[in-house]
């Protein structure tokens, strides 16, 4: 058992305490965001796996508020970039600026140098600027003028996007989509959840003032370190590894898809399944863990055939069919 540590905020770094702290995130986020439990769970899983998240939903379903609340409850440094059609790559990564006092160029860091980067409406900017995040997401560094500059740890990109059929959007390149660990859909709220939202606003809730809403930090970097160490020890049997591979290989053979899941996607599914198993209190992975994370981990890594898309087939329906037919290990 690891020796517990304590960060500056007083959060203990033992595995049991870390799980309790991460579970407390749900209650803390619920102070500002009604419902959206699957999205909250996905964000916690991504933190445990050192992965990035793509949130998709129509405008007005609290995507940005969800990320801001997560950052406030995690005691992490956070920055927000509003992606627009005229945004340049240097606006995200930073650039060299000439200093007249020293007659030298100095590096001015961009907003990507943070713990949690909120890339708001990422698909409203052209692919060149979207791609500026590729190195940061994969290598955890930014290269400017040939010099690599490491990013802080932890580093997490949470990007929001509107559905691609909305006017003024640019589809994300496949290479960038594959860098996102999870793609989470943020649906419209149920009738009761929407009533709860209006009731909160009528009582004076201000989404711009999370502190007034009672949101407080409940987890710190020590909790994340302890949790990640515990997830890394979660047992994966050979049968489970084979199950993950069979699911991903089945996507490559599906007649509805032109692009199946790559080996990187299989690795991602294994990683998210381990994190989910640990969050639910187990130190080993079962098939239900794989099934629970298959959709958010794989849906953005496949590409539908045009004729299948015209017939109303979706990536989710294809993956669900594969989960039904691939034999489950006992």
Protein backbone atom coordinates (compact mmCIF):
# COMPACT_ATOMS: atom_id res chain seq x y z
CA UNK A 1 0.00 0.00 0.00
CA UNK A 2 1.38 3.39 -1.00
CA UNK A 3 2.31 5.95 1.61
CA UNK A 4 -0.33 8.66 1.74
CA UNK A 5 0.79 12.12 0.78
CA UNK A 6 -0.88 15.44 1.21
CA UNK A 7 -0.99 18.32 -1.28
CA UNK A 8 -1.15 22.01 -0.44
CA UNK A 9 -4.95 21.87 -0.18
CA UNK A 10 -4.89 19.06 2.35
CA UNK A 11 -6.08 16.29 0.03
CA UNK A 12 -4.56 12.93 0.98
CA UNK A 13 -2.92 10.97 -1.78
CA UNK A 14 -3.98 7.43 -0.81
CA UNK A 15 -6.10 5.41 -3.26
CA UNK A 16 -9.17 5.11 -1.02
CA UNK A 17 -9.19 8.82 -0.29
CA UNK A 18 -8.66 9.59 -3.97
CA UNK A 19 -11.70 7.52 -4.96
CA UNK A 20 -13.82 9.31 -2.36
CA UNK A 21 -12.62 12.70 -3.62
CA UNK A 22 -13.37 11.87 -7.24
CA UNK A 23 -16.80 10.54 -6.30
CA UNK A 24 -17.43 13.83 -4.51
CA UNK A 25 -16.94 15.59 -7.85
CA UNK A 26 -20.40 14.43 -8.90
CA UNK A 27 -22.08 16.13 -5.97
CA UNK A 28 -20.01 19.27 -6.45
CA UNK A 29 -20.75 19.54 -10.17
CA UNK A 30 -24.45 18.91 -9.47
CA UNK A 31 -24.51 22.23 -7.60
CA UNK A 32 -24.23 23.99 -10.96
CA UNK A 33 -25.19 21.43 -13.62
CA UNK A 34 -28.45 19.49 -13.55
CA UNK A 35 -28.26 15.93 -14.87
CA UNK A 36 -25.57 15.02 -17.44
CA UNK A 37 -24.20 12.24 -15.20
CA UNK A 38 -22.70 10.26 -18.14
CA UNK A 39 -20.72 13.32 -19.24
CA UNK A 40 -19.48 13.92 -15.69
CA UNK A 41 -18.39 10.28 -15.41
CA UNK A 42 -16.63 10.49 -18.77
CA UNK A 43 -14.66 13.56 -17.70
CA UNK A 44 -13.48 11.79 -14.52
CA UNK A 45 -12.46 8.72 -16.55
CA UNK A 46 -10.47 10.93 -18.91
CA UNK A 47 -8.66 12.53 -15.98
CA UNK A 48 -7.68 9.10 -14.69
CA UNK A 49 -6.43 8.04 -18.13
CA UNK A 50 -4.60 11.27 -18.96
CA UNK A 51 -6.88 11.60 -21.97
CA UNK A 52 -8.79 14.36 -23.70
CA UNK A 53 -12.53 14.76 -24.17
CA UNK A 54 -14.75 15.99 -26.97
CA UNK A 55 -18.18 17.17 -25.81
CA UNK A 56 -20.84 17.37 -28.51
CA UNK A 57 -24.27 18.91 -28.13
CA UNK A 58 -26.50 21.66 -29.42
CA UNK A 59 -25.93 25.18 -28.04
CA UNK A 60 -27.37 25.82 -24.60
CA UNK A 61 -27.06 22.41 -22.92
CA UNK A 62 -24.39 23.53 -20.40
CA UNK A 63 -21.28 22.11 -22.08
CA UNK A 64 -19.12 25.08 -21.15
CA UNK A 65 -20.63 25.33 -17.68
CA UNK A 66 -19.89 21.64 -17.09
CA UNK A 67 -16.19 22.09 -17.86
CA UNK A 68 -15.89 25.30 -15.83
CA UNK A 69 -17.52 23.59 -12.85
CA UNK A 70 -15.18 20.60 -13.17
CA UNK A 71 -12.17 22.91 -13.11
CA UNK A 72 -13.49 24.78 -10.07
CA UNK A 73 -14.05 21.49 -8.21
CA UNK A 74 -10.58 20.19 -9.07
CA UNK A 75 -8.29 23.04 -8.00
CA UNK A 76 -6.66 23.05 -11.41
CA UNK A 77 -5.46 25.99 -13.42
CA UNK A 78 -7.79 26.43 -16.36
CA UNK A 79 -7.95 28.60 -19.45
CA UNK A 80 -10.59 28.98 -22.12
CA UNK A 81 -10.17 29.58 -25.85
CA UNK A 82 -13.21 30.59 -27.88
CA UNK A 83 -12.55 29.07 -31.30
CA UNK A 84 -13.62 31.37 -34.12
CA UNK A 85 -13.04 31.36 -37.91
CA UNK A 86 -10.23 33.96 -37.62
CA UNK A 87 -8.33 32.27 -34.75
CA UNK A 88 -4.67 31.61 -35.58
CA UNK A 89 -2.54 28.66 -34.32
CA UNK A 90 -0.25 31.07 -32.45
CA UNK A 91 -3.29 32.37 -30.55
CA UNK A 92 -3.47 28.91 -28.95
CA UNK A 93 0.16 27.79 -28.62
CA UNK A 94 1.91 31.13 -28.12
CA UNK A 95 4.56 32.88 -30.20
CA UNK A 96 7.89 34.67 -30.15
CA UNK A 97 7.57 38.38 -29.34
CA UNK A 98 10.28 40.95 -29.97
CA UNK A 99 11.32 42.80 -26.82
CA UNK A 100 12.59 46.28 -27.70
CA UNK A 101 14.28 46.64 -24.30
CA UNK A 102 16.54 43.63 -24.75
CA UNK A 103 16.52 43.59 -28.57
CA UNK A 104 15.70 39.87 -28.39
CA UNK A 105 12.77 37.61 -29.10
CA UNK A 106 11.09 36.03 -26.07
CA UNK A 107 8.44 33.33 -25.97
CA UNK A 108 4.97 34.46 -24.93
CA UNK A 109 3.05 31.33 -23.79
CA UNK A 110 -0.43 30.82 -25.20
CA UNK A 111 -3.49 29.60 -23.28
CA UNK A 112 -2.53 25.97 -23.97
CA UNK A 113 -0.04 26.26 -21.08
CA UNK A 114 -2.50 25.30 -18.37
CA UNK A 115 -3.85 22.20 -16.61
CA UNK A 116 -7.31 22.17 -18.15
CA UNK A 117 -7.83 23.83 -21.53
CA UNK A 118 -11.43 24.48 -22.55
CA UNK A 119 -11.48 24.61 -26.35
CA UNK A 120 -14.93 26.07 -26.83
CA UNK A 121 -16.72 25.37 -30.13
CA UNK A 122 -13.57 23.86 -31.61
CA UNK A 123 -15.28 23.02 -34.91
CA UNK A 124 -15.99 26.69 -35.68
CA UNK A 125 -12.34 27.31 -36.59
CA UNK A 126 -10.57 26.07 -39.76
CA UNK A 127 -8.63 22.77 -39.71
CA UNK A 128 -5.23 24.53 -39.62
CA UNK A 129 -5.98 26.03 -36.23
CA UNK A 130 -7.69 22.86 -35.01
CA UNK A 131 -4.52 20.95 -35.85
CA UNK A 132 -2.41 23.30 -33.73
CA UNK A 133 -3.53 21.25 -30.74
CA UNK A 134 -2.27 17.92 -32.14
CA UNK A 135 1.25 18.08 -30.69
CA UNK A 136 -0.01 19.42 -27.37
CA UNK A 137 -2.57 16.64 -27.01
CA UNK A 138 -0.26 13.81 -28.03
CA UNK A 139 3.21 14.86 -26.85
CA UNK A 140 2.25 17.16 -23.95
CA UNK A 141 4.51 19.83 -25.42
CA UNK A 142 4.48 22.72 -27.89
CA UNK A 143 7.28 23.37 -30.38
CA UNK A 144 7.88 27.02 -31.29
CA UNK A 145 10.83 28.03 -33.46
CA UNK A 146 12.25 24.52 -33.16
CA UNK A 147 12.30 24.50 -29.36
CA UNK A 148 9.99 22.03 -27.54
CA UNK A 149 8.28 23.51 -24.50
CA UNK A 150 6.66 21.05 -22.04
CA UNK A 151 3.12 21.62 -20.83
CA UNK A 152 2.09 21.49 -17.15
CA UNK A 153 1.03 18.23 -15.53
CA UNK A 154 -1.79 17.30 -15.42
CA UNK A 155 -2.84 18.51 -18.87
CA UNK A 156 -6.34 17.92 -20.22
CA UNK A 157 -8.10 19.33 -23.28
CA UNK A 158 -11.88 19.41 -23.11
CA UNK A 159 -13.26 20.59 -26.44
CA UNK A 160 -16.89 21.40 -27.10
CA UNK A 161 -18.47 21.29 -30.52
CA UNK A 162 -21.86 21.76 -32.08
CA UNK A 163 -23.25 18.95 -34.26
CA UNK A 164 -21.57 19.00 -37.68
CA UNK A 165 -24.78 19.78 -39.52
CA UNK A 166 -24.91 23.23 -37.89
CA UNK A 167 -24.02 26.20 -40.09
CA UNK A 168 -20.48 27.55 -39.80
CA UNK A 169 -18.82 24.35 -38.56
CA UNK A 170 -15.71 22.57 -39.87
CA UNK A 171 -15.41 18.79 -39.39
CA UNK A 172 -12.45 17.83 -37.19
CA UNK A 173 -9.63 16.01 -39.04
CA UNK A 174 -9.55 12.26 -38.40
CA UNK A 175 -6.05 12.56 -36.92
CA UNK A 176 -7.29 15.00 -34.32
CA UNK A 177 -10.45 13.06 -33.54
CA UNK A 178 -8.28 10.04 -32.78
CA UNK A 179 -6.37 12.10 -30.18
CA UNK A 180 -9.52 12.45 -28.09
CA UNK A 181 -9.87 9.62 -25.61
CA UNK A 182 -13.65 10.05 -25.37
CA UNK A 183 -16.43 11.66 -27.36
CA UNK A 184 -19.32 12.42 -25.02
CA UNK A 185 -22.73 13.53 -26.22
CA UNK A 186 -24.55 16.11 -24.12
CA UNK A 187 -28.27 15.68 -24.83
CA UNK A 188 -31.14 18.03 -24.22
CA UNK A 189 -32.36 17.68 -20.62
CA UNK A 190 -35.44 15.74 -19.63
CA UNK A 191 -38.59 17.68 -18.76
CA UNK A 192 -37.95 17.36 -15.01
CA UNK A 193 -34.30 18.38 -15.35
CA UNK A 194 -35.31 21.41 -17.37
CA UNK A 195 -37.84 22.38 -14.70
CA UNK A 196 -35.05 22.08 -12.10
CA UNK A 197 -32.82 24.35 -14.21
CA UNK A 198 -35.50 27.03 -14.42
CA UNK A 199 -36.24 26.71 -10.71
CA UNK A 200 -32.58 27.33 -9.87
CA UNK A 201 -32.42 30.39 -12.12
CA UNK A 202 -35.63 31.74 -10.60
CA UNK A 203 -33.99 31.37 -7.16
CA UNK A 204 -31.03 33.50 -8.27
CA UNK A 205 -28.52 31.01 -9.66
CA UNK A 206 -25.85 32.76 -11.73
CA UNK A 207 -23.81 30.39 -13.96
CA UNK A 208 -21.04 33.02 -14.13
CA UNK A 209 -20.50 32.90 -10.37
CA UNK A 210 -19.75 29.30 -9.38
CA UNK A 211 -18.46 30.28 -5.95
CA UNK A 212 -21.84 31.79 -5.10
CA UNK A 213 -23.41 28.50 -6.18
CA UNK A 214 -21.35 26.75 -3.52
CA UNK A 215 -18.87 24.98 -5.80
CA UNK A 216 -15.68 24.27 -3.86
CA UNK A 217 -12.49 22.30 -4.65
CA UNK A 218 -12.90 18.68 -3.54
CA UNK A 219 -9.91 17.01 -5.23
CA UNK A 220 -6.33 17.98 -5.93
CA UNK A 221 -3.25 16.83 -7.81
CA UNK A 222 -2.28 14.36 -5.06
CA UNK A 223 -5.69 12.66 -5.44
CA UNK A 224 -5.19 12.38 -9.19
CA UNK A 225 -1.70 10.93 -8.80
CA UNK A 226 -2.90 8.32 -6.28
CA UNK A 227 -5.93 7.43 -8.38
CA UNK A 228 -3.87 7.01 -11.55
CA UNK A 229 -1.40 4.77 -9.72
CA UNK A 230 -4.28 2.61 -8.49
CA UNK A 231 -5.84 2.40 -11.96
CA UNK A 232 -2.49 1.26 -13.35
CA UNK A 233 -2.62 -1.72 -10.96
CA UNK A 234 -6.13 -2.78 -12.03
CA UNK A 235 -5.89 -6.31 -13.38
CA UNK A 236 -6.75 -7.11 -17.01
CA UNK A 237 -7.07 -10.81 -17.81
CA UNK A 238 -5.99 -12.20 -21.20
CA UNK A 239 -9.66 -12.94 -21.93
CA UNK A 240 -10.63 -9.30 -21.41
CA UNK A 241 -7.76 -8.10 -23.60
CA UNK A 242 -8.90 -10.49 -26.33
CA UNK A 243 -12.50 -9.24 -25.93
CA UNK A 244 -11.37 -5.64 -26.51
CA UNK A 245 -9.38 -6.69 -29.59
CA UNK A 246 -12.33 -8.67 -31.01
CA UNK A 247 -14.66 -5.66 -30.65
CA UNK A 248 -12.22 -3.35 -32.41
CA UNK A 249 -11.45 -5.84 -35.18
CA UNK A 250 -15.17 -6.28 -35.78
CA UNK A 251 -15.47 -2.57 -36.60
CA UNK A 252 -12.86 -3.00 -39.34
CA UNK A 253 -14.97 -5.74 -40.90
CA UNK A 254 -18.34 -3.99 -40.61
CA UNK A 255 -20.04 -3.42 -44.00
CA UNK A 256 -21.44 -0.13 -42.67
CA UNK A 257 -18.03 1.41 -42.02
CA UNK A 258 -15.24 2.69 -44.27
CA UNK A 259 -12.93 3.18 -41.28
CA UNK A 260 -12.73 0.92 -38.25
CA UNK A 261 -11.04 1.32 -34.88
CA UNK A 262 -7.24 1.44 -34.95
CA UNK A 263 -4.94 -0.29 -32.43
CA UNK A 264 -4.72 3.09 -30.68
CA UNK A 265 -8.49 2.88 -30.19
CA UNK A 266 -8.19 -0.61 -28.73
CA UNK A 267 -5.60 0.65 -26.26
CA UNK A 268 -7.90 3.53 -25.36
CA UNK A 269 -10.83 1.18 -24.70
CA UNK A 270 -8.68 -0.96 -22.43
CA UNK A 271 -7.51 2.14 -20.55
CA UNK A 272 -11.01 3.59 -20.01
CA UNK A 273 -12.36 0.18 -18.95
CA UNK A 274 -9.68 -0.07 -16.25
CA UNK A 275 -10.49 3.41 -14.97
CA UNK A 276 -14.21 2.62 -14.84
CA UNK A 277 -13.54 -0.67 -13.02
CA UNK A 278 -11.49 1.16 -10.38
CA UNK A 279 -14.10 3.90 -9.97
CA UNK A 280 -16.77 1.28 -9.30
CA UNK A 281 -14.64 -0.29 -6.56
CA UNK A 282 -12.96 -3.23 -8.29
CA UNK A 283 -9.29 -3.94 -8.93
CA UNK A 284 -10.02 -6.06 -12.03
CA UNK A 285 -11.86 -5.48 -15.31
CA UNK A 286 -15.01 -7.37 -16.31
CA UNK A 287 -16.81 -7.39 -19.72
CA UNK A 288 -19.46 -4.97 -18.45
CA UNK A 289 -16.72 -2.35 -17.93
CA UNK A 290 -15.72 -2.70 -21.59
CA UNK A 291 -19.35 -2.44 -22.73
CA UNK A 292 -19.96 0.63 -20.57
CA UNK A 293 -17.10 2.58 -22.18
CA UNK A 294 -17.28 1.21 -25.74
CA UNK A 295 -19.55 3.91 -27.17
CA UNK A 296 -17.80 7.04 -25.84
CA UNK A 297 -14.36 5.56 -26.56
CA UNK A 298 -15.02 4.27 -30.08
CA UNK A 299 -17.82 6.33 -31.67
CA UNK A 300 -15.48 9.02 -33.02
CA UNK A 301 -12.89 6.52 -34.28
CA UNK A 302 -15.11 4.97 -36.95
CA UNK A 303 -16.39 6.39 -40.22
CA UNK A 304 -19.72 5.49 -41.77
CA UNK A 305 -20.20 4.64 -45.43
CA UNK A 306 -22.22 7.36 -47.19
CA UNK A 307 -24.97 4.90 -48.15
CA UNK A 308 -25.27 3.67 -44.56
CA UNK A 309 -25.47 7.24 -43.32
CA UNK A 310 -28.27 7.99 -45.80
CA UNK A 311 -30.19 5.01 -44.43
CA UNK A 312 -30.06 6.46 -40.91
CA UNK A 313 -27.30 4.22 -39.57
CA UNK A 314 -25.18 5.84 -36.84
CA UNK A 315 -21.81 5.01 -35.36
CA UNK A 316 -23.54 4.20 -32.06
CA UNK A 317 -25.93 1.74 -33.69
CA UNK A 318 -23.06 -0.05 -35.45
CA UNK A 319 -21.04 -0.36 -32.24
CA UNK A 320 -24.08 -1.54 -30.28
CA UNK A 321 -24.69 -4.24 -32.89
CA UNK A 322 -21.07 -5.35 -32.64
CA UNK A 323 -21.31 -5.53 -28.83
CA UNK A 324 -24.34 -7.79 -29.27
CA UNK A 325 -22.59 -10.20 -31.61
CA UNK A 326 -19.03 -10.42 -30.27
CA UNK A 327 -18.83 -13.35 -27.81
CA UNK A 328 -18.47 -12.26 -24.20
CA UNK A 329 -15.75 -14.04 -22.20
CA UNK A 330 -16.89 -15.94 -19.12
